[in-house]
Amino acid sequence: SGPAIRVAELRKTFRVPVRGEGLRAAAASLVRRETRDVD
């Protein structure tokens, strides 16, 4: 009597690491890893 599939304001956000280029950025990421959210 209703829909087979119903989706309402469905969201999925991934948290991904962020690191700059170069050896210094690679070393810094070992101590403190920065992340950002991606929808």
PDB file of all heavy atoms in Angstrom:
ATOM      1  N   SER A   1       0.810  -1.198   0.000  1.00  0.00           N
ATOM      2  CA  SER A   1       0.000   0.000   0.000  1.00  0.00           C
ATOM      3  C   SER A   1       0.855   1.264   0.000  1.00  0.00           C
ATOM      4  O   SER A   1       0.369   2.351  -0.298  1.00  0.00           O
ATOM      5  CB  SER A   1      -0.925   0.010   1.225  1.00  0.00           C
ATOM      6  OG  SER A   1      -0.165  -0.048   2.419  1.00  0.00           O
ATOM      7  N   GLY A   2       2.131   1.152   0.361  1.00  0.00           N
ATOM      8  CA  GLY A   2       3.032   2.291   0.389  1.00  0.00           C
ATOM      9  C   GLY A   2       4.188   2.087  -0.557  1.00  0.00           C
ATOM     10  O   GLY A   2       4.254   1.106  -1.298  1.00  0.00           O
ATOM     11  N   PRO A   3       5.131   3.031  -0.548  1.00  0.00           N
ATOM     12  CA  PRO A   3       6.286   2.901  -1.439  1.00  0.00           C
ATOM     13  C   PRO A   3       7.176   1.726  -1.056  1.00  0.00           C
ATOM     14  O   PRO A   3       7.304   1.395   0.128  1.00  0.00           O
ATOM     15  CB  PRO A   3       7.015   4.238  -1.262  1.00  0.00           C
ATOM     16  CG  PRO A   3       6.597   4.730   0.081  1.00  0.00           C
ATOM     17  CD  PRO A   3       5.186   4.252   0.269  1.00  0.00           C
ATOM     18  N   ALA A   4       7.791   1.114  -2.055  1.00  0.00           N
ATOM     19  CA  ALA A   4       8.759   0.055  -1.778  1.00  0.00           C
ATOM     20  C   ALA A   4      10.034   0.639  -1.183  1.00  0.00           C
ATOM     21  O   ALA A   4      10.670   0.034  -0.315  1.00  0.00           O
ATOM     22  CB  ALA A   4       9.077  -0.715  -3.054  1.00  0.00           C
ATOM     23  N   ILE A   5      10.404   1.830  -1.661  1.00  0.00           N
ATOM     24  CA  ILE A   5      11.587   2.535  -1.159  1.00  0.00           C
ATOM     25  C   ILE A   5      11.183   3.962  -0.821  1.00  0.00           C
ATOM     26  O   ILE A   5      10.546   4.643  -1.628  1.00  0.00           O
ATOM     27  CB  ILE A   5      12.718   2.549  -2.206  1.00  0.00           C
ATOM     28  CG1 ILE A   5      13.147   1.122  -2.574  1.00  0.00           C
ATOM     29  CG2 ILE A   5      13.914   3.358  -1.709  1.00  0.00           C
ATOM     30  CD1 ILE A   5      14.111   1.060  -3.745  1.00  0.00           C
ATOM     31  N   ARG A   6      11.537   4.375   0.366  1.00  0.00           N
ATOM     32  CA  ARG A   6      11.246   5.750   0.779  1.00  0.00           C
ATOM     33  C   ARG A   6      12.506   6.358   1.385  1.00  0.00           C
ATOM     34  O   ARG A   6      13.123   5.778   2.277  1.00  0.00           O
ATOM     35  CB  ARG A   6      10.111   5.793   1.807  1.00  0.00           C
ATOM     36  CG  ARG A   6       9.788   7.191   2.318  1.00  0.00           C
ATOM     37  CD  ARG A   6       8.649   7.178   3.330  1.00  0.00           C
ATOM     38  NE  ARG A   6       8.417   8.499   3.860  1.00  0.00           N
ATOM     39  CZ  ARG A   6       9.060   9.009   4.915  1.00  0.00           C
ATOM     40  NH1 ARG A   6       9.973   8.281   5.543  1.00  0.00           N
ATOM     41  NH2 ARG A   6       8.796  10.236   5.336  1.00  0.00           N
ATOM     42  N   VAL A   7      12.889   7.522   0.882  1.00  0.00           N
ATOM     43  CA  VAL A   7      14.081   8.227   1.348  1.00  0.00           C
ATOM     44  C   VAL A   7      13.676   9.655   1.692  1.00  0.00           C
ATOM     45  O   VAL A   7      13.042  10.328   0.880  1.00  0.00           O
ATOM     46  CB  VAL A   7      15.180   8.237   0.262  1.00  0.00           C
ATOM     47  CG1 VAL A   7      16.349   9.105   0.689  1.00  0.00           C
ATOM     48  CG2 VAL A   7      15.650   6.825  -0.029  1.00  0.00           C
ATOM     49  N   ALA A   8      14.025  10.102   2.891  1.00  0.00           N
ATOM     50  CA  ALA A   8      13.665  11.445   3.334  1.00  0.00           C
ATOM     51  C   ALA A   8      14.881  12.129   3.949  1.00  0.00           C
ATOM     52  O   ALA A   8      15.362  11.724   5.009  1.00  0.00           O
ATOM     53  CB  ALA A   8      12.516  11.387   4.351  1.00  0.00           C
ATOM     54  N   GLU A   9      15.387  13.144   3.256  1.00  0.00           N
ATOM     55  CA  GLU A   9      16.524  13.940   3.738  1.00  0.00           C
ATOM     56  C   GLU A   9      17.705  13.062   4.151  1.00  0.00           C
ATOM     57  O   GLU A   9      18.363  13.296   5.166  1.00  0.00           O
ATOM     58  CB  GLU A   9      16.093  14.837   4.906  1.00  0.00           C
ATOM     59  CG  GLU A   9      15.161  15.961   4.521  1.00  0.00           C
ATOM     60  CD  GLU A   9      15.807  16.932   3.517  1.00  0.00           C
ATOM     61  OE1 GLU A   9      17.001  17.253   3.703  1.00  0.00           O
ATOM     62  OE2 GLU A   9      15.135  17.336   2.569  1.00  0.00           O
ATOM     63  N   LEU A  10      17.968  12.049   3.349  1.00  0.00           N
ATOM     64  CA  LEU A  10      19.036  11.103   3.661  1.00  0.00           C
ATOM     65  C   LEU A  10      20.394  11.773   3.466  1.00  0.00           C
ATOM     66  O   LEU A  10      20.635  12.435   2.459  1.00  0.00           O
ATOM     67  CB  LEU A  10      18.918   9.879   2.763  1.00  0.00           C
ATOM     68  CG  LEU A  10      19.777   8.665   3.127  1.00  0.00           C
ATOM     69  CD1 LEU A  10      19.362   8.099   4.479  1.00  0.00           C
ATOM     70  CD2 LEU A  10      19.669   7.598   2.045  1.00  0.00           C
ATOM     71  N   ARG A  11      21.278  11.559   4.436  1.00  0.00           N
ATOM     72  CA  ARG A  11      22.599  12.174   4.398  1.00  0.00           C
ATOM     73  C   ARG A  11      23.673  11.153   4.763  1.00  0.00           C
ATOM     74  O   ARG A  11      23.438  10.249   5.566  1.00  0.00           O
ATOM     75  CB  ARG A  11      22.700  13.360   5.378  1.00  0.00           C
ATOM     76  CG  ARG A  11      21.638  14.418   5.222  1.00  0.00           C
ATOM     77  CD  ARG A  11      21.840  15.544   6.224  1.00  0.00           C
ATOM     78  NE  ARG A  11      23.063  16.278   5.922  1.00  0.00           N
ATOM     79  CZ  ARG A  11      23.127  17.327   5.107  1.00  0.00           C
ATOM     80  NH1 ARG A  11      22.029  17.765   4.509  1.00  0.00           N
ATOM     81  NH2 ARG A  11      24.272  17.938   4.877  1.00  0.00           N
ATOM     82  N   LYS A  12      24.845  11.330   4.171  1.00  0.00           N
ATOM     83  CA  LYS A  12      26.008  10.547   4.571  1.00  0.00           C
ATOM     84  C   LYS A  12      27.238  11.434   4.494  1.00  0.00           C
ATOM     85  O   LYS A  12      27.571  11.977   3.432  1.00  0.00           O
ATOM     86  CB  LYS A  12      26.197   9.316   3.675  1.00  0.00           C
ATOM     87  CG  LYS A  12      27.392   8.441   4.095  1.00  0.00           C
ATOM     88  CD  LYS A  12      27.235   7.878   5.494  1.00  0.00           C
ATOM     89  CE  LYS A  12      28.422   7.037   5.904  1.00  0.00           C
ATOM     90  NZ  LYS A  12      28.280   6.522   7.291  1.00  0.00           N
ATOM     91  N   THR A  13      27.897  11.591   5.636  1.00  0.00           N
ATOM     92  CA  THR A  13      29.085  12.417   5.727  1.00  0.00           C
ATOM     93  C   THR A  13      30.270  11.549   6.114  1.00  0.00           C
ATOM     94  O   THR A  13      30.196  10.774   7.070  1.00  0.00           O
ATOM     95  CB  THR A  13      28.903  13.531   6.767  1.00  0.00           C
ATOM     96  OG1 THR A  13      27.772  14.337   6.413  1.00  0.00           O
ATOM     97  CG2 THR A  13      30.140  14.417   6.842  1.00  0.00           C
ATOM     98  N   PHE A  14      31.353  11.664   5.348  1.00  0.00           N
ATOM     99  CA  PHE A  14      32.582  10.956   5.648  1.00  0.00           C
ATOM    100  C   PHE A  14      33.596  11.925   6.241  1.00  0.00           C
ATOM    101  O   PHE A  14      33.695  13.082   5.806  1.00  0.00           O
ATOM    102  CB  PHE A  14      33.177  10.318   4.381  1.00  0.00           C
ATOM    103  CG  PHE A  14      32.362   9.203   3.812  1.00  0.00           C
ATOM    104  CD1 PHE A  14      31.520   9.414   2.728  1.00  0.00           C
ATOM    105  CD2 PHE A  14      32.435   7.925   4.349  1.00  0.00           C
ATOM    106  CE1 PHE A  14      30.776   8.378   2.193  1.00  0.00           C
ATOM    107  CE2 PHE A  14      31.692   6.886   3.822  1.00  0.00           C
ATOM    108  CZ  PHE A  14      30.859   7.111   2.750  1.00  0.00           C
ATOM    109  N   ARG A  15      34.347  11.459   7.211  1.00  0.00           N
ATOM    110  CA  ARG A  15      35.451  12.248   7.757  1.00  0.00           C
ATOM    111  C   ARG A  15      36.738  11.764   7.106  1.00  0.00           C
ATOM    112  O   ARG A  15      37.129  10.609   7.262  1.00  0.00           O
ATOM    113  CB  ARG A  15      35.507  12.107   9.277  1.00  0.00           C
ATOM    114  CG  ARG A  15      36.629  12.884   9.938  1.00  0.00           C
ATOM    115  CD  ARG A  15      36.354  13.089  11.399  1.00  0.00           C
ATOM    116  NE  ARG A  15      35.203  13.964  11.589  1.00  0.00           N
ATOM    117  CZ  ARG A  15      34.709  14.281  12.784  1.00  0.00           C
ATOM    118  NH1 ARG A  15      35.253  13.779  13.883  1.00  0.00           N
ATOM    119  NH2 ARG A  15      33.660  15.089  12.873  1.00  0.00           N
ATOM    120  N   VAL A  16      37.390  12.649   6.387  1.00  0.00           N
ATOM    121  CA  VAL A  16      38.569  12.265   5.616  1.00  0.00           C
ATOM    122  C   VAL A  16      39.782  13.045   6.107  1.00  0.00           C
ATOM    123  O   VAL A  16      39.671  14.198   6.548  1.00  0.00           O
ATOM    124  CB  VAL A  16      38.365  12.521   4.110  1.00  0.00           C
ATOM    125  CG1 VAL A  16      37.214  11.694   3.583  1.00  0.00           C
ATOM    126  CG2 VAL A  16      38.113  14.001   3.834  1.00  0.00           C
ATOM    127  N   PRO A  17      40.977  12.434   6.077  1.00  0.00           N
ATOM    128  CA  PRO A  17      42.181  13.133   6.530  1.00  0.00           C
ATOM    129  C   PRO A  17      42.613  14.211   5.551  1.00  0.00           C
ATOM    130  O   PRO A  17      42.402  14.101   4.346  1.00  0.00           O
ATOM    131  CB  PRO A  17      43.220  12.014   6.623  1.00  0.00           C
ATOM    132  CG  PRO A  17      42.748  10.980   5.659  1.00  0.00           C
ATOM    133  CD  PRO A  17      41.250  11.048   5.692  1.00  0.00           C
ATOM    134  N   VAL A  18      43.222  15.251   6.081  1.00  0.00           N
ATOM    135  CA  VAL A  18      43.740  16.349   5.270  1.00  0.00           C
ATOM    136  C   VAL A  18      45.224  16.501   5.584  1.00  0.00           C
ATOM    137  O   VAL A  18      45.620  16.590   6.754  1.00  0.00           O
ATOM    138  CB  VAL A  18      43.013  17.668   5.584  1.00  0.00           C
ATOM    139  CG1 VAL A  18      43.615  18.813   4.777  1.00  0.00           C
ATOM    140  CG2 VAL A  18      41.522  17.539   5.304  1.00  0.00           C
ATOM    141  N   ARG A  19      46.047  16.517   4.551  1.00  0.00           N
ATOM    142  CA  ARG A  19      47.480  16.687   4.763  1.00  0.00           C
ATOM    143  C   ARG A  19      48.066  17.478   3.608  1.00  0.00           C
ATOM    144  O   ARG A  19      47.743  17.244   2.451  1.00  0.00           O
ATOM    145  CB  ARG A  19      48.188  15.325   4.860  1.00  0.00           C
ATOM    146  CG  ARG A  19      49.686  15.446   5.125  1.00  0.00           C
ATOM    147  CD  ARG A  19      50.327  14.082   5.333  1.00  0.00           C
ATOM    148  NE  ARG A  19      50.357  13.275   4.133  1.00  0.00           N
ATOM    149  CZ  ARG A  19      51.276  13.416   3.168  1.00  0.00           C
ATOM    150  NH1 ARG A  19      52.189  14.364   3.239  1.00  0.00           N
ATOM    151  NH2 ARG A  19      51.243  12.604   2.128  1.00  0.00           N
ATOM    152  N   GLY A  20      48.909  18.434   3.932  1.00  0.00           N
ATOM    153  CA  GLY A  20      49.570  19.223   2.914  1.00  0.00           C
ATOM    154  C   GLY A  20      50.691  18.444   2.249  1.00  0.00           C
ATOM    155  O   GLY A  20      51.024  17.318   2.637  1.00  0.00           O
ATOM    156  N   GLU A  21      51.307  19.069   1.264  1.00  0.00           N
ATOM    157  CA  GLU A  21      52.394  18.425   0.535  1.00  0.00           C
ATOM    158  C   GLU A  21      53.714  18.591   1.286  1.00  0.00           C
ATOM    159  O   GLU A  21      53.914  19.507   2.080  1.00  0.00           O
ATOM    160  CB  GLU A  21      52.516  19.031  -0.862  1.00  0.00           C
ATOM    161  CG  GLU A  21      51.282  18.843  -1.728  1.00  0.00           C
ATOM    162  CD  GLU A  21      51.444  19.477  -3.090  1.00  0.00           C
ATOM    163  OE1 GLU A  21      52.507  20.101  -3.324  1.00  0.00           O
ATOM    164  OE2 GLU A  21      50.535  19.360  -3.909  1.00  0.00           O
ATOM    165  N   GLY A  22      54.607  17.668   1.045  1.00  0.00           N
ATOM    166  CA  GLY A  22      55.956  17.804   1.564  1.00  0.00           C
ATOM    167  C   GLY A  22      56.217  16.989   2.805  1.00  0.00           C
ATOM    168  O   GLY A  22      55.309  16.494   3.474  1.00  0.00           O
ATOM    169  N   LEU A  23      57.507  16.853   3.129  1.00  0.00           N
ATOM    170  CA  LEU A  23      57.949  16.043   4.252  1.00  0.00           C
ATOM    171  C   LEU A  23      57.503  16.621   5.580  1.00  0.00           C
ATOM    172  O   LEU A  23      57.102  15.890   6.492  1.00  0.00           O
ATOM    173  CB  LEU A  23      59.483  15.922   4.219  1.00  0.00           C
ATOM    174  CG  LEU A  23      60.115  15.040   5.292  1.00  0.00           C
ATOM    175  CD1 LEU A  23      59.586  13.619   5.199  1.00  0.00           C
ATOM    176  CD2 LEU A  23      61.630  15.075   5.167  1.00  0.00           C
ATOM    177  N   ARG A  24      57.531  17.946   5.707  1.00  0.00           N
ATOM    178  CA  ARG A  24      57.126  18.572   6.966  1.00  0.00           C
ATOM    179  C   ARG A  24      55.663  18.292   7.278  1.00  0.00           C
ATOM    180  O   ARG A  24      55.301  17.978   8.411  1.00  0.00           O
ATOM    181  CB  ARG A  24      57.368  20.075   6.907  1.00  0.00           C
ATOM    182  CG  ARG A  24      56.938  20.818   8.171  1.00  0.00           C
ATOM    183  CD  ARG A  24      57.328  22.273   8.116  1.00  0.00           C
ATOM    184  NE  ARG A  24      58.787  22.428   8.094  1.00  0.00           N
ATOM    185  CZ  ARG A  24      59.406  23.608   8.048  1.00  0.00           C
ATOM    186  NH1 ARG A  24      58.691  24.728   8.013  1.00  0.00           N
ATOM    187  NH2 ARG A  24      60.721  23.676   8.039  1.00  0.00           N
ATOM    188  N   ALA A  25      54.817  18.400   6.270  1.00  0.00           N
ATOM    189  CA  ALA A  25      53.392  18.127   6.469  1.00  0.00           C
ATOM    190  C   ALA A  25      53.173  16.662   6.825  1.00  0.00           C
ATOM    191  O   ALA A  25      52.321  16.339   7.658  1.00  0.00           O
ATOM    192  CB  ALA A  25      52.605  18.497   5.210  1.00  0.00           C
ATOM    193  N   ALA A  26      53.950  15.761   6.211  1.00  0.00           N
ATOM    194  CA  ALA A  26      53.812  14.344   6.517  1.00  0.00           C
ATOM    195  C   ALA A  26      54.196  14.067   7.955  1.00  0.00           C
ATOM    196  O   ALA A  26      53.540  13.296   8.665  1.00  0.00           O
ATOM    197  CB  ALA A  26      54.672  13.518   5.561  1.00  0.00           C
ATOM    198  N   ALA A  27      55.288  14.708   8.433  1.00  0.00           N
ATOM    199  CA  ALA A  27      55.714  14.511   9.811  1.00  0.00           C
ATOM    200  C   ALA A  27      54.696  15.082  10.790  1.00  0.00           C
ATOM    201  O   ALA A  27      54.395  14.481  11.834  1.00  0.00           O
ATOM    202  CB  ALA A  27      57.087  15.159  10.016  1.00  0.00           C
ATOM    203  N   ALA A  28      54.147  16.254  10.461  1.00  0.00           N
ATOM    204  CA  ALA A  28      53.154  16.879  11.348  1.00  0.00           C
ATOM    205  C   ALA A  28      51.907  16.022  11.471  1.00  0.00           C
ATOM    206  O   ALA A  28      51.281  15.956  12.538  1.00  0.00           O
ATOM    207  CB  ALA A  28      52.803  18.264  10.814  1.00  0.00           C
ATOM    208  N   SER A  29      51.532  15.338  10.380  1.00  0.00           N
ATOM    209  CA  SER A  29      50.319  14.523  10.415  1.00  0.00           C
ATOM    210  C   SER A  29      50.475  13.314  11.322  1.00  0.00           C
ATOM    211  O   SER A  29      49.482  12.740  11.780  1.00  0.00           O
ATOM    212  CB  SER A  29      49.947  14.064   8.997  1.00  0.00           C
ATOM    213  OG  SER A  29      50.897  13.137   8.497  1.00  0.00           O
ATOM    214  N   LEU A  30      51.721  12.909  11.597  1.00  0.00           N
ATOM    215  CA  LEU A  30      51.935  11.799  12.518  1.00  0.00           C
ATOM    216  C   LEU A  30      51.620  12.194  13.952  1.00  0.00           C
ATOM    217  O   LEU A  30      51.227  11.363  14.773  1.00  0.00           O
ATOM    218  CB  LEU A  30      53.388  11.318  12.428  1.00  0.00           C
ATOM    219  CG  LEU A  30      53.815  10.707  11.093  1.00  0.00           C
ATOM    220  CD1 LEU A  30      55.309  10.388  11.123  1.00  0.00           C
ATOM    221  CD2 LEU A  30      53.001   9.455  10.787  1.00  0.00           C
ATOM    222  N   VAL A  31      51.795  13.478  14.250  1.00  0.00           N
ATOM    223  CA  VAL A  31      51.546  13.983  15.601  1.00  0.00           C
ATOM    224  C   VAL A  31      50.101  14.429  15.766  1.00  0.00           C
ATOM    225  O   VAL A  31      49.433  14.109  16.743  1.00  0.00           O
ATOM    226  CB  VAL A  31      52.497  15.154  15.919  1.00  0.00           C
ATOM    227  CG1 VAL A  31      52.225  15.701  17.330  1.00  0.00           C
ATOM    228  CG2 VAL A  31      53.940  14.714  15.776  1.00  0.00           C
ATOM    229  N   ARG A  32      49.632  15.170  14.782  1.00  0.00           N
ATOM    230  CA  ARG A  32      48.261  15.697  14.856  1.00  0.00           C
ATOM    231  C   ARG A  32      47.623  15.588  13.477  1.00  0.00           C
ATOM    232  O   ARG A  32      47.994  16.326  12.569  1.00  0.00           O
ATOM    233  CB  ARG A  32      48.273  17.145  15.325  1.00  0.00           C
ATOM    234  CG  ARG A  32      46.884  17.743  15.446  1.00  0.00           C
ATOM    235  CD  ARG A  32      46.954  19.188  15.902  1.00  0.00           C
ATOM    236  NE  ARG A  32      45.632  19.784  15.975  1.00  0.00           N
ATOM    237  CZ  ARG A  32      45.395  21.058  16.282  1.00  0.00           C
ATOM    238  NH1 ARG A  32      46.421  21.871  16.542  1.00  0.00           N
ATOM    239  NH2 ARG A  32      44.170  21.524  16.326  1.00  0.00           N
ATOM    240  N   ARG A  33      46.701  14.695  13.351  1.00  0.00           N
ATOM    241  CA  ARG A  33      46.044  14.489  12.058  1.00  0.00           C
ATOM    242  C   ARG A  33      44.832  15.403  11.942  1.00  0.00           C
ATOM    243  O   ARG A  33      43.955  15.394  12.813  1.00  0.00           O
ATOM    244  CB  ARG A  33      45.612  13.035  11.899  1.00  0.00           C
ATOM    245  CG  ARG A  33      44.746  12.784  10.673  1.00  0.00           C
ATOM    246  CD  ARG A  33      44.600  11.313  10.363  1.00  0.00           C
ATOM    247  NE  ARG A  33      45.853  10.746   9.892  1.00  0.00           N
ATOM    248  CZ  ARG A  33      45.951   9.515   9.386  1.00  0.00           C
ATOM    249  NH1 ARG A  33      44.885   8.744   9.310  1.00  0.00           N
ATOM    250  NH2 ARG A  33      47.118   9.067   8.977  1.00  0.00           N
ATOM    251  N   GLU A  34      44.804  16.159  10.876  1.00  0.00           N
ATOM    252  CA  GLU A  34      43.666  17.028  10.608  1.00  0.00           C
ATOM    253  C   GLU A  34      42.682  16.299   9.691  1.00  0.00           C
ATOM    254  O   GLU A  34      43.082  15.531   8.810  1.00  0.00           O
ATOM    255  CB  GLU A  34      44.126  18.326   9.951  1.00  0.00           C
ATOM    256  CG  GLU A  34      45.007  19.181  10.835  1.00  0.00           C
ATOM    257  CD  GLU A  34      45.355  20.498  10.173  1.00  0.00           C
ATOM    258  OE1 GLU A  34      44.780  20.787   9.094  1.00  0.00           O
ATOM    259  OE2 GLU A  34      46.203  21.231  10.721  1.00  0.00           O
ATOM    260  N   THR A  35      41.422  16.567   9.911  1.00  0.00           N
ATOM    261  CA  THR A  35      40.372  15.954   9.088  1.00  0.00           C
ATOM    262  C   THR A  35      39.361  17.009   8.672  1.00  0.00           C
ATOM    263  O   THR A  35      39.318  18.115   9.230  1.00  0.00           O
ATOM    264  CB  THR A  35      39.637  14.834   9.851  1.00  0.00           C
ATOM    265  OG1 THR A  35      38.991  15.402  11.004  1.00  0.00           O
ATOM    266  CG2 THR A  35      40.595  13.739  10.286  1.00  0.00           C
ATOM    267  N   ARG A  36      38.557  16.633   7.697  1.00  0.00           N
ATOM    268  CA  ARG A  36      37.420  17.472   7.305  1.00  0.00           C
ATOM    269  C   ARG A  36      36.257  16.577   6.940  1.00  0.00           C
ATOM    270  O   ARG A  36      36.437  15.405   6.593  1.00  0.00           O
ATOM    271  CB  ARG A  36      37.778  18.369   6.119  1.00  0.00           C
ATOM    272  CG  ARG A  36      38.052  17.638   4.815  1.00  0.00           C
ATOM    273  CD  ARG A  36      38.547  18.597   3.750  1.00  0.00           C
ATOM    274  NE  ARG A  36      38.876  17.906   2.509  1.00  0.00           N
ATOM    275  CZ  ARG A  36      38.056  17.840   1.457  1.00  0.00           C
ATOM    276  NH1 ARG A  36      36.868  18.420   1.495  1.00  0.00           N
ATOM    277  NH2 ARG A  36      38.424  17.180   0.362  1.00  0.00           N
ATOM    278  N   ASP A  37      35.073  17.133   7.034  1.00  0.00           N
ATOM    279  CA  ASP A  37      33.863  16.387   6.704  1.00  0.00           C
ATOM    280  C   ASP A  37      33.505  16.592   5.240  1.00  0.00           C
ATOM    281  O   ASP A  37      33.532  17.723   4.730  1.00  0.00           O
ATOM    282  CB  ASP A  37      32.691  16.840   7.582  1.00  0.00           C
ATOM    283  CG  ASP A  37      32.868  16.409   9.033  1.00  0.00           C
ATOM    284  OD1 ASP A  37      33.656  15.472   9.272  1.00  0.00           O
ATOM    285  OD2 ASP A  37      32.224  17.002   9.916  1.00  0.00           O
ATOM    286  N   VAL A  38      33.184  15.504   4.581  1.00  0.00           N
ATOM    287  CA  VAL A  38      32.781  15.545   3.173  1.00  0.00           C
ATOM    288  C   VAL A  38      31.392  14.932   3.048  1.00  0.00           C
ATOM    289  O   VAL A  38      31.167  13.792   3.457  1.00  0.00           O
ATOM    290  CB  VAL A  38      33.776  14.768   2.281  1.00  0.00           C
ATOM    291  CG1 VAL A  38      33.277  14.724   0.845  1.00  0.00           C
ATOM    292  CG2 VAL A  38      35.147  15.411   2.337  1.00  0.00           C
ATOM    293  N   ASP A  39      30.467  15.702   2.511  1.00  0.00           N
ATOM    294  CA  ASP A  39      29.097  15.220   2.314  1.00  0.00           C
ATOM    295  C   ASP A  39      29.010  14.432   1.014  1.00  0.00           C
ATOM    296  O   ASP A  39      29.056  15.007  -0.073  1.00  0.00           O
ATOM    297  CB  ASP A  39      28.108  16.384   2.268  1.00  0.00           C
ATOM    298  CG  ASP A  39      27.962  17.075   3.609  1.00  0.00           C
ATOM    299  OD1 ASP A  39      28.133  16.385   4.627  1.00  0.00           O
ATOM    300  OD2 ASP A  39      27.691  18.282   3.631  1.00  0.00           O
TER     301      ASP A  39
END
